[in-house]
PDB file of N, CA and C in Angstrom:
ATOM      1  N   UNK A   1      16.303   9.722  -3.051  1.00  0.00           N
ATOM      2  CA  UNK A   1      16.603   9.433  -1.680  1.00  0.00           C
ATOM      3  C   UNK A   1      17.788   8.470  -1.596  1.00  0.00           C
ATOM      4  N   UNK A   2      17.608   7.276  -2.085  1.00  0.00           N
ATOM      5  CA  UNK A   2      18.696   6.310  -2.101  1.00  0.00           C
ATOM      6  C   UNK A   2      19.168   6.167  -3.535  1.00  0.00           C
ATOM      7  N   UNK A   3      20.446   6.293  -3.709  1.00  0.00           N
ATOM      8  CA  UNK A   3      20.986   6.128  -5.052  1.00  0.00           C
ATOM      9  C   UNK A   3      21.991   4.991  -5.016  1.00  0.00           C
ATOM     10  N   UNK A   4      21.828   4.086  -5.925  1.00  0.00           N
ATOM     11  CA  UNK A   4      22.781   2.990  -6.024  1.00  0.00           C
ATOM     12  C   UNK A   4      22.935   2.632  -7.494  1.00  0.00           C
ATOM     13  N   UNK A   5      24.063   2.114  -7.788  1.00  0.00           N
ATOM     14  CA  UNK A   5      24.315   1.693  -9.154  1.00  0.00           C
ATOM     15  C   UNK A   5      24.237   0.181  -9.203  1.00  0.00           C
ATOM     16  N   UNK A   6      23.499  -0.304 -10.155  1.00  0.00           N
ATOM     17  CA  UNK A   6      23.343  -1.725 -10.328  1.00  0.00           C
ATOM     18  C   UNK A   6      23.826  -2.073 -11.720  1.00  0.00           C
ATOM     19  N   UNK A   7      24.850  -2.868 -11.764  1.00  0.00           N
ATOM     20  CA  UNK A   7      25.372  -3.292 -13.053  1.00  0.00           C
ATOM     21  C   UNK A   7      25.011  -4.748 -13.279  1.00  0.00           C
ATOM     22  N   UNK A   8      24.400  -4.991 -14.394  1.00  0.00           N
ATOM     23  CA  UNK A   8      24.016  -6.354 -14.749  1.00  0.00           C
ATOM     24  C   UNK A   8      24.843  -6.755 -15.961  1.00  0.00           C
ATOM     25  N   UNK A   9      25.604  -7.786 -15.785  1.00  0.00           N
ATOM     26  CA  UNK A   9      26.392  -8.294 -16.902  1.00  0.00           C
ATOM     27  C   UNK A   9      25.693  -9.520 -17.462  1.00  0.00           C
ATOM     28  N   UNK A  10      25.363  -9.459 -18.727  1.00  0.00           N
ATOM     29  CA  UNK A  10      24.701 -10.572 -19.372  1.00  0.00           C
ATOM     30  C   UNK A  10      25.728 -11.482 -20.023  1.00  0.00           C
ATOM     31  N   UNK A  11      25.485 -12.735 -19.851  1.00  0.00           N
ATOM     32  CA  UNK A  11      26.341 -13.702 -20.529  1.00  0.00           C
ATOM     33  C   UNK A  11      25.994 -13.682 -22.016  1.00  0.00           C
ATOM     34  N   UNK A  12      26.754 -14.377 -22.847  1.00  0.00           N
ATOM     35  CA  UNK A  12      26.418 -14.388 -24.272  1.00  0.00           C
ATOM     36  C   UNK A  12      24.986 -14.845 -24.548  1.00  0.00           C
ATOM     37  N   UNK A  13      24.483 -15.709 -23.665  1.00  0.00           N
ATOM     38  CA  UNK A  13      23.100 -16.164 -23.812  1.00  0.00           C
ATOM     39  C   UNK A  13      22.186 -15.406 -22.851  1.00  0.00           C
ATOM     40  N   UNK A  14      22.478 -14.160 -22.586  1.00  0.00           N
ATOM     41  CA  UNK A  14      21.753 -13.359 -21.605  1.00  0.00           C
ATOM     42  C   UNK A  14      20.281 -13.193 -21.913  1.00  0.00           C
ATOM     43  N   UNK A  15      19.956 -13.001 -23.173  1.00  0.00           N
ATOM     44  CA  UNK A  15      18.550 -12.821 -23.540  1.00  0.00           C
ATOM     45  C   UNK A  15      17.754 -14.083 -23.286  1.00  0.00           C
ATOM     46  N   UNK A  16      18.340 -15.222 -23.583  1.00  0.00           N
ATOM     47  CA  UNK A  16      17.668 -16.493 -23.340  1.00  0.00           C
ATOM     48  C   UNK A  16      17.483 -16.711 -21.842  1.00  0.00           C
ATOM     49  N   UNK A  17      18.515 -16.381 -21.072  1.00  0.00           N
ATOM     50  CA  UNK A  17      18.439 -16.537 -19.619  1.00  0.00           C
ATOM     51  C   UNK A  17      17.368 -15.622 -19.034  1.00  0.00           C
ATOM     52  N   UNK A  18      17.296 -14.389 -19.510  1.00  0.00           N
ATOM     53  CA  UNK A  18      16.291 -13.445 -19.040  1.00  0.00           C
ATOM     54  C   UNK A  18      14.892 -13.937 -19.377  1.00  0.00           C
ATOM     55  N   UNK A  19      14.713 -14.431 -20.588  1.00  0.00           N
ATOM     56  CA  UNK A  19      13.401 -14.948 -20.999  1.00  0.00           C
ATOM     57  C   UNK A  19      12.989 -16.138 -20.131  1.00  0.00           C
ATOM     58  N   UNK A  20      13.961 -17.001 -19.802  1.00  0.00           N
ATOM     59  CA  UNK A  20      13.660 -18.152 -18.954  1.00  0.00           C
ATOM     60  C   UNK A  20      13.238 -17.695 -17.557  1.00  0.00           C
ATOM     61  N   UNK A  21      13.917 -16.697 -17.006  1.00  0.00           N
ATOM     62  CA  UNK A  21      13.550 -16.179 -15.689  1.00  0.00           C
ATOM     63  C   UNK A  21      12.152 -15.561 -15.703  1.00  0.00           C
ATOM     64  N   UNK A  22      11.856 -14.793 -16.742  1.00  0.00           N
ATOM     65  CA  UNK A  22      10.544 -14.158 -16.834  1.00  0.00           C
ATOM     66  C   UNK A  22       9.446 -15.202 -16.964  1.00  0.00           C
ATOM     67  N   UNK A  23       9.628 -16.162 -17.851  1.00  0.00           N
ATOM     68  CA  UNK A  23       8.616 -17.211 -18.024  1.00  0.00           C
ATOM     69  C   UNK A  23       8.475 -18.062 -16.767  1.00  0.00           C
ATOM     70  N   UNK A  24       9.578 -18.354 -16.109  1.00  0.00           N
ATOM     71  CA  UNK A  24       9.519 -19.110 -14.852  1.00  0.00           C
ATOM     72  C   UNK A  24       8.777 -18.343 -13.779  1.00  0.00           C
ATOM     73  N   UNK A  25       9.014 -17.043 -13.683  1.00  0.00           N
ATOM     74  CA  UNK A  25       8.315 -16.215 -12.703  1.00  0.00           C
ATOM     75  C   UNK A  25       6.825 -16.157 -12.969  1.00  0.00           C
ATOM     76  N   UNK A  26       6.459 -16.012 -14.226  1.00  0.00           N
ATOM     77  CA  UNK A  26       5.039 -15.995 -14.587  1.00  0.00           C
ATOM     78  C   UNK A  26       4.397 -17.342 -14.263  1.00  0.00           C
ATOM     79  N   UNK A  27       5.101 -18.426 -14.544  1.00  0.00           N
ATOM     80  CA  UNK A  27       4.575 -19.757 -14.239  1.00  0.00           C
ATOM     81  C   UNK A  27       4.353 -19.961 -12.749  1.00  0.00           C
ATOM     82  N   UNK A  28       5.315 -19.556 -11.943  1.00  0.00           N
ATOM     83  CA  UNK A  28       5.166 -19.689 -10.492  1.00  0.00           C
ATOM     84  C   UNK A  28       4.003 -18.829 -10.005  1.00  0.00           C
ATOM     85  N   UNK A  29       3.867 -17.622 -10.535  1.00  0.00           N
ATOM     86  CA  UNK A  29       2.760 -16.743 -10.160  1.00  0.00           C
ATOM     87  C   UNK A  29       1.417 -17.393 -10.483  1.00  0.00           C
ATOM     88  N   UNK A  30       1.277 -17.953 -11.682  1.00  0.00           N
ATOM     89  CA  UNK A  30       0.012 -18.565 -12.082  1.00  0.00           C
ATOM     90  C   UNK A  30      -0.315 -19.800 -11.247  1.00  0.00           C
ATOM     91  N   UNK A  31       0.682 -20.586 -10.903  1.00  0.00           N
ATOM     92  CA  UNK A  31       0.451 -21.741 -10.043  1.00  0.00           C
ATOM     93  C   UNK A  31      -0.025 -21.278  -8.668  1.00  0.00           C
ATOM     94  N   UNK A  32       0.594 -20.221  -8.134  1.00  0.00           N
ATOM     95  CA  UNK A  32       0.178 -19.679  -6.840  1.00  0.00           C
ATOM     96  C   UNK A  32      -1.257 -19.178  -6.869  1.00  0.00           C
ATOM     97  N   UNK A  33      -1.631 -18.486  -7.940  1.00  0.00           N
ATOM     98  CA  UNK A  33      -3.005 -18.000  -8.072  1.00  0.00           C
ATOM     99  C   UNK A  33      -3.984 -19.169  -8.131  1.00  0.00           C
ATOM    100  N   UNK A  34      -3.625 -20.211  -8.845  1.00  0.00           N
ATOM    101  CA  UNK A  34      -4.502 -21.378  -8.955  1.00  0.00           C
ATOM    102  C   UNK A  34      -4.740 -22.009  -7.590  1.00  0.00           C
ATOM    103  N   UNK A  35      -3.662 -22.252  -6.847  1.00  0.00           N
ATOM    104  CA  UNK A  35      -3.806 -22.878  -5.537  1.00  0.00           C
ATOM    105  C   UNK A  35      -4.505 -21.961  -4.538  1.00  0.00           C
ATOM    106  N   UNK A  36      -4.235 -20.671  -4.595  1.00  0.00           N
ATOM    107  CA  UNK A  36      -4.898 -19.733  -3.684  1.00  0.00           C
ATOM    108  C   UNK A  36      -6.404 -19.718  -3.945  1.00  0.00           C
ATOM    109  N   UNK A  37      -6.791 -19.709  -5.211  1.00  0.00           N
ATOM    110  CA  UNK A  37      -8.217 -19.709  -5.541  1.00  0.00           C
ATOM    111  C   UNK A  37      -8.923 -20.969  -5.104  1.00  0.00           C
ATOM    112  N   UNK A  38      -8.306 -22.115  -5.343  1.00  0.00           N
ATOM    113  CA  UNK A  38      -8.950 -23.371  -4.958  1.00  0.00           C
ATOM    114  C   UNK A  38      -9.036 -23.505  -3.441  1.00  0.00           C
ATOM    115  N   UNK A  39      -8.022 -23.034  -2.722  1.00  0.00           N
ATOM    116  CA  UNK A  39      -8.067 -23.112  -1.266  1.00  0.00           C
ATOM    117  C   UNK A  39      -9.081 -22.128  -0.688  1.00  0.00           C
ATOM    118  N   UNK A  40      -9.215 -20.960  -1.289  1.00  0.00           N
ATOM    119  CA  UNK A  40     -10.240 -20.018  -0.824  1.00  0.00           C
ATOM    120  C   UNK A  40     -11.638 -20.587  -1.018  1.00  0.00           C
ATOM    121  N   UNK A  41     -11.862 -21.288  -2.119  1.00  0.00           N
ATOM    122  CA  UNK A  41     -13.165 -21.908  -2.346  1.00  0.00           C
ATOM    123  C   UNK A  41     -13.440 -22.973  -1.290  1.00  0.00           C
ATOM    124  N   UNK A  42     -12.422 -23.746  -0.927  1.00  0.00           N
ATOM    125  CA  UNK A  42     -12.610 -24.773   0.103  1.00  0.00           C
ATOM    126  C   UNK A  42     -12.885 -24.150   1.468  1.00  0.00           C
ATOM    127  N   UNK A  43     -12.179 -23.047   1.782  1.00  0.00           N
ATOM    128  CA  UNK A  43     -12.342 -22.410   3.084  1.00  0.00           C
ATOM    129  C   UNK A  43     -13.736 -21.812   3.232  1.00  0.00           C
ATOM    130  N   UNK A  44     -14.221 -21.118   2.216  1.00  0.00           N
ATOM    131  CA  UNK A  44     -15.518 -20.459   2.320  1.00  0.00           C
ATOM    132  C   UNK A  44     -16.671 -21.427   2.154  1.00  0.00           C
ATOM    133  N   UNK A  45     -16.429 -22.577   1.581  1.00  0.00           N
ATOM    134  CA  UNK A  45     -17.491 -23.573   1.437  1.00  0.00           C
ATOM    135  C   UNK A  45     -18.641 -23.106   0.563  1.00  0.00           C
ATOM    136  N   UNK A  46     -18.387 -22.253  -0.369  1.00  0.00           N
ATOM    137  CA  UNK A  46     -19.434 -21.767  -1.264  1.00  0.00           C
ATOM    138  C   UNK A  46     -20.295 -20.684  -0.641  1.00  0.00           C
ATOM    139  N   UNK A  47     -19.901 -20.160   0.522  1.00  0.00           N
ATOM    140  CA  UNK A  47     -20.691 -19.133   1.216  1.00  0.00           C
ATOM    141  C   UNK A  47     -20.878 -17.897   0.360  1.00  0.00           C
ATOM    142  N   UNK A  48     -19.787 -17.398  -0.226  1.00  0.00           N
ATOM    143  CA  UNK A  48     -19.874 -16.183  -1.021  1.00  0.00           C
ATOM    144  C   UNK A  48     -20.691 -16.391  -2.289  1.00  0.00           C
ATOM    145  N   UNK A  49     -20.591 -17.551  -2.876  1.00  0.00           N
ATOM    146  CA  UNK A  49     -21.368 -17.817  -4.082  1.00  0.00           C
ATOM    147  C   UNK A  49     -22.857 -17.842  -3.752  1.00  0.00           C
ATOM    148  N   UNK A  50     -23.237 -18.485  -2.643  1.00  0.00           N
ATOM    149  CA  UNK A  50     -24.644 -18.509  -2.229  1.00  0.00           C
ATOM    150  C   UNK A  50     -25.131 -17.106  -1.889  1.00  0.00           C
ATOM    151  N   UNK A  51     -24.287 -16.335  -1.201  1.00  0.00           N
ATOM    152  CA  UNK A  51     -24.654 -14.977  -0.819  1.00  0.00           C
ATOM    153  C   UNK A  51     -24.875 -14.110  -2.051  1.00  0.00           C
ATOM    154  N   UNK A  52     -23.967 -14.167  -3.015  1.00  0.00           N
ATOM    155  CA  UNK A  52     -24.113 -13.359  -4.229  1.00  0.00           C
ATOM    156  C   UNK A  52     -25.308 -13.797  -5.067  1.00  0.00           C
ATOM    157  N   UNK A  53     -25.626 -15.087  -5.041  1.00  0.00           N
ATOM    158  CA  UNK A  53     -26.796 -15.565  -5.771  1.00  0.00           C
ATOM    159  C   UNK A  53     -28.070 -14.980  -5.174  1.00  0.00           C
ATOM    160  N   UNK A  54     -28.142 -14.944  -3.836  1.00  0.00           N
ATOM    161  CA  UNK A  54     -29.319 -14.372  -3.181  1.00  0.00           C
ATOM    162  C   UNK A  54     -29.405 -12.866  -3.408  1.00  0.00           C
ATOM    163  N   UNK A  55     -28.272 -12.185  -3.271  1.00  0.00           N
ATOM    164  CA  UNK A  55     -28.244 -10.727  -3.370  1.00  0.00           C
ATOM    165  C   UNK A  55     -28.527 -10.267  -4.795  1.00  0.00           C
ATOM    166  N   UNK A  56     -28.033 -10.976  -5.783  1.00  0.00           N
ATOM    167  CA  UNK A  56     -28.161 -10.520  -7.166  1.00  0.00           C
ATOM    168  C   UNK A  56     -29.563 -10.713  -7.726  1.00  0.00           C
ATOM    169  N   UNK A  57     -30.461 -11.297  -6.970  1.00  0.00           N
ATOM    170  CA  UNK A  57     -31.834 -11.471  -7.439  1.00  0.00           C
ATOM    171  C   UNK A  57     -32.668 -10.207  -7.315  1.00  0.00           C
ATOM    172  N   UNK A  58     -32.161  -9.187  -6.653  1.00  0.00           N
ATOM    173  CA  UNK A  58     -32.917  -7.955  -6.428  1.00  0.00           C
ATOM    174  C   UNK A  58     -32.035  -6.756  -6.784  1.00  0.00           C
ATOM    175  N   UNK A  59     -32.589  -5.747  -7.470  1.00  0.00           N
ATOM    176  CA  UNK A  59     -31.760  -4.597  -7.882  1.00  0.00           C
ATOM    177  C   UNK A  59     -31.095  -3.867  -6.707  1.00  0.00           C
ATOM    178  N   UNK A  60     -31.795  -3.736  -5.590  1.00  0.00           N
ATOM    179  CA  UNK A  60     -31.202  -3.057  -4.438  1.00  0.00           C
ATOM    180  C   UNK A  60     -30.037  -3.884  -3.887  1.00  0.00           C
ATOM    181  N   UNK A  61     -30.184  -5.185  -3.898  1.00  0.00           N
ATOM    182  CA  UNK A  61     -29.106  -6.068  -3.442  1.00  0.00           C
ATOM    183  C   UNK A  61     -27.886  -5.952  -4.336  1.00  0.00           C
ATOM    184  N   UNK A  62     -28.120  -5.849  -5.650  1.00  0.00           N
ATOM    185  CA  UNK A  62     -26.994  -5.698  -6.574  1.00  0.00           C
ATOM    186  C   UNK A  62     -26.272  -4.375  -6.326  1.00  0.00           C
ATOM    187  N   UNK A  63     -27.056  -3.307  -6.087  1.00  0.00           N
ATOM    188  CA  UNK A  63     -26.454  -2.005  -5.801  1.00  0.00           C
ATOM    189  C   UNK A  63     -25.636  -2.070  -4.512  1.00  0.00           C
ATOM    190  N   UNK A  64     -26.194  -2.680  -3.476  1.00  0.00           N
ATOM    191  CA  UNK A  64     -25.496  -2.769  -2.185  1.00  0.00           C
ATOM    192  C   UNK A  64     -24.217  -3.594  -2.310  1.00  0.00           C
ATOM    193  N   UNK A  65     -24.282  -4.703  -3.056  1.00  0.00           N
ATOM    194  CA  UNK A  65     -23.089  -5.534  -3.233  1.00  0.00           C
ATOM    195  C   UNK A  65     -22.015  -4.777  -4.000  1.00  0.00           C
ATOM    196  N   UNK A  66     -22.399  -4.058  -5.039  1.00  0.00           N
ATOM    197  CA  UNK A  66     -21.434  -3.279  -5.809  1.00  0.00           C
ATOM    198  C   UNK A  66     -20.824  -2.158  -4.992  1.00  0.00           C
ATOM    199  N   UNK A  67     -21.659  -1.466  -4.212  1.00  0.00           N
ATOM    200  CA  UNK A  67     -21.146  -0.386  -3.372  1.00  0.00           C
ATOM    201  C   UNK A  67     -20.195  -0.929  -2.305  1.00  0.00           C
ATOM    202  N   UNK A  68     -20.558  -2.056  -1.707  1.00  0.00           N
ATOM    203  CA  UNK A  68     -19.704  -2.650  -0.669  1.00  0.00           C
ATOM    204  C   UNK A  68     -18.364  -3.081  -1.252  1.00  0.00           C
ATOM    205  N   UNK A  69     -18.396  -3.772  -2.374  1.00  0.00           N
ATOM    206  CA  UNK A  69     -17.143  -4.213  -2.994  1.00  0.00           C
ATOM    207  C   UNK A  69     -16.301  -3.019  -3.438  1.00  0.00           C
ATOM    208  N   UNK A  70     -16.943  -2.003  -3.982  1.00  0.00           N
ATOM    209  CA  UNK A  70     -16.211  -0.797  -4.373  1.00  0.00           C
ATOM    210  C   UNK A  70     -15.567  -0.114  -3.188  1.00  0.00           C
ATOM    211  N   UNK A  71     -16.288  -0.042  -2.072  1.00  0.00           N
ATOM    212  CA  UNK A  71     -15.727   0.556  -0.858  1.00  0.00           C
ATOM    213  C   UNK A  71     -14.544  -0.255  -0.351  1.00  0.00           C
ATOM    214  N   UNK A  72     -14.677  -1.583  -0.366  1.00  0.00           N
ATOM    215  CA  UNK A  72     -13.593  -2.437   0.128  1.00  0.00           C
ATOM    216  C   UNK A  72     -12.342  -2.283  -0.734  1.00  0.00           C
ATOM    217  N   UNK A  73     -12.525  -2.143  -2.022  1.00  0.00           N
ATOM    218  CA  UNK A  73     -11.381  -2.005  -2.921  1.00  0.00           C
ATOM    219  C   UNK A  73     -10.712  -0.647  -2.723  1.00  0.00           C
ATOM    220  N   UNK A  74     -11.515   0.415  -2.584  1.00  0.00           N
ATOM    221  CA  UNK A  74     -10.960   1.762  -2.464  1.00  0.00           C
ATOM    222  C   UNK A  74     -10.482   2.095  -1.056  1.00  0.00           C
ATOM    223  N   UNK A  75     -10.797   1.275  -0.063  1.00  0.00           N
ATOM    224  CA  UNK A  75     -10.448   1.622   1.310  1.00  0.00           C
ATOM    225  C   UNK A  75      -9.053   1.142   1.697  1.00  0.00           C
ATOM    226  N   UNK A  76      -8.243   0.835   0.727  1.00  0.00           N
ATOM    227  CA  UNK A  76      -6.864   0.428   1.008  1.00  0.00           C
ATOM    228  C   UNK A  76      -6.056   1.594   1.541  1.00  0.00           C
ATOM    229  N   UNK A  77      -4.823   1.362   1.843  1.00  0.00           N
ATOM    230  CA  UNK A  77      -3.942   2.392   2.399  1.00  0.00           C
ATOM    231  C   UNK A  77      -3.738   3.490   1.370  1.00  0.00           C
ATOM    232  N   UNK A  78      -4.020   4.697   1.781  1.00  0.00           N
ATOM    233  CA  UNK A  78      -3.817   5.853   0.907  1.00  0.00           C
ATOM    234  C   UNK A  78      -2.534   6.558   1.316  1.00  0.00           C
ATOM    235  N   UNK A  79      -1.785   7.081   0.367  1.00  0.00           N
ATOM    236  CA  UNK A  79      -0.578   7.826   0.738  1.00  0.00           C
ATOM    237  C   UNK A  79      -0.958   9.130   1.427  1.00  0.00           C
ATOM    238  N   UNK A  80      -0.155   9.556   2.386  1.00  0.00           N
ATOM    239  CA  UNK A  80      -0.470  10.817   3.054  1.00  0.00           C
ATOM    240  C   UNK A  80      -0.138  11.987   2.132  1.00  0.00           C
ATOM    241  N   UNK A  81      -0.592  13.172   2.523  1.00  0.00           N
ATOM    242  CA  UNK A  81      -0.462  14.353   1.667  1.00  0.00           C
ATOM    243  C   UNK A  81       0.996  14.674   1.359  1.00  0.00           C
ATOM    244  N   UNK A  82       1.907  14.476   2.313  1.00  0.00           N
ATOM    245  CA  UNK A  82       3.306  14.804   2.114  1.00  0.00           C
ATOM    246  C   UNK A  82       3.932  13.902   1.037  1.00  0.00           C
ATOM    247  N   UNK A  83       3.570  12.620   1.033  1.00  0.00           N
ATOM    248  CA  UNK A  83       4.097  11.711   0.013  1.00  0.00           C
ATOM    249  C   UNK A  83       3.593  12.104  -1.366  1.00  0.00           C
ATOM    250  N   UNK A  84       2.341  12.503  -1.470  1.00  0.00           N
ATOM    251  CA  UNK A  84       1.767  12.883  -2.759  1.00  0.00           C
ATOM    252  C   UNK A  84       2.471  14.108  -3.303  1.00  0.00           C
ATOM    253  N   UNK A  85       2.712  15.099  -2.440  1.00  0.00           N
ATOM    254  CA  UNK A  85       3.357  16.334  -2.882  1.00  0.00           C
ATOM    255  C   UNK A  85       4.807  16.111  -3.287  1.00  0.00           C
ATOM    256  N   UNK A  86       5.509  15.197  -2.607  1.00  0.00           N
ATOM    257  CA  UNK A  86       6.914  14.982  -2.930  1.00  0.00           C
ATOM    258  C   UNK A  86       7.100  14.221  -4.234  1.00  0.00           C
ATOM    259  N   UNK A  87       6.079  13.490  -4.679  1.00  0.00           N
ATOM    260  CA  UNK A  87       6.171  12.727  -5.919  1.00  0.00           C
ATOM    261  C   UNK A  87       5.881  13.572  -7.147  1.00  0.00           C
ATOM    262  N   UNK A  88       5.314  14.756  -6.967  1.00  0.00           N
ATOM    263  CA  UNK A  88       4.956  15.578  -8.131  1.00  0.00           C
ATOM    264  C   UNK A  88       6.022  16.579  -8.455  1.00  0.00           C
TER     265      UNK A  88
END
């Protein structure tokens, strides 16, 4: 659909620069995940942990929790049929 040419010129220390960018990006990502997790725990106030503790005490509760989480994960945006056919 869109075609463009991207030329990347590496300096003599290009590999070192690339490695620094990759490691820096991974570091920023991990810091973001850490803060997002700690803030989510503060927001929910342990609600989900208490709920899962109660639900996991019974086999039917475990099944319902697994089915619900599976549905929530799979219910994301699906590509329409035309997009699927054009990619194959």
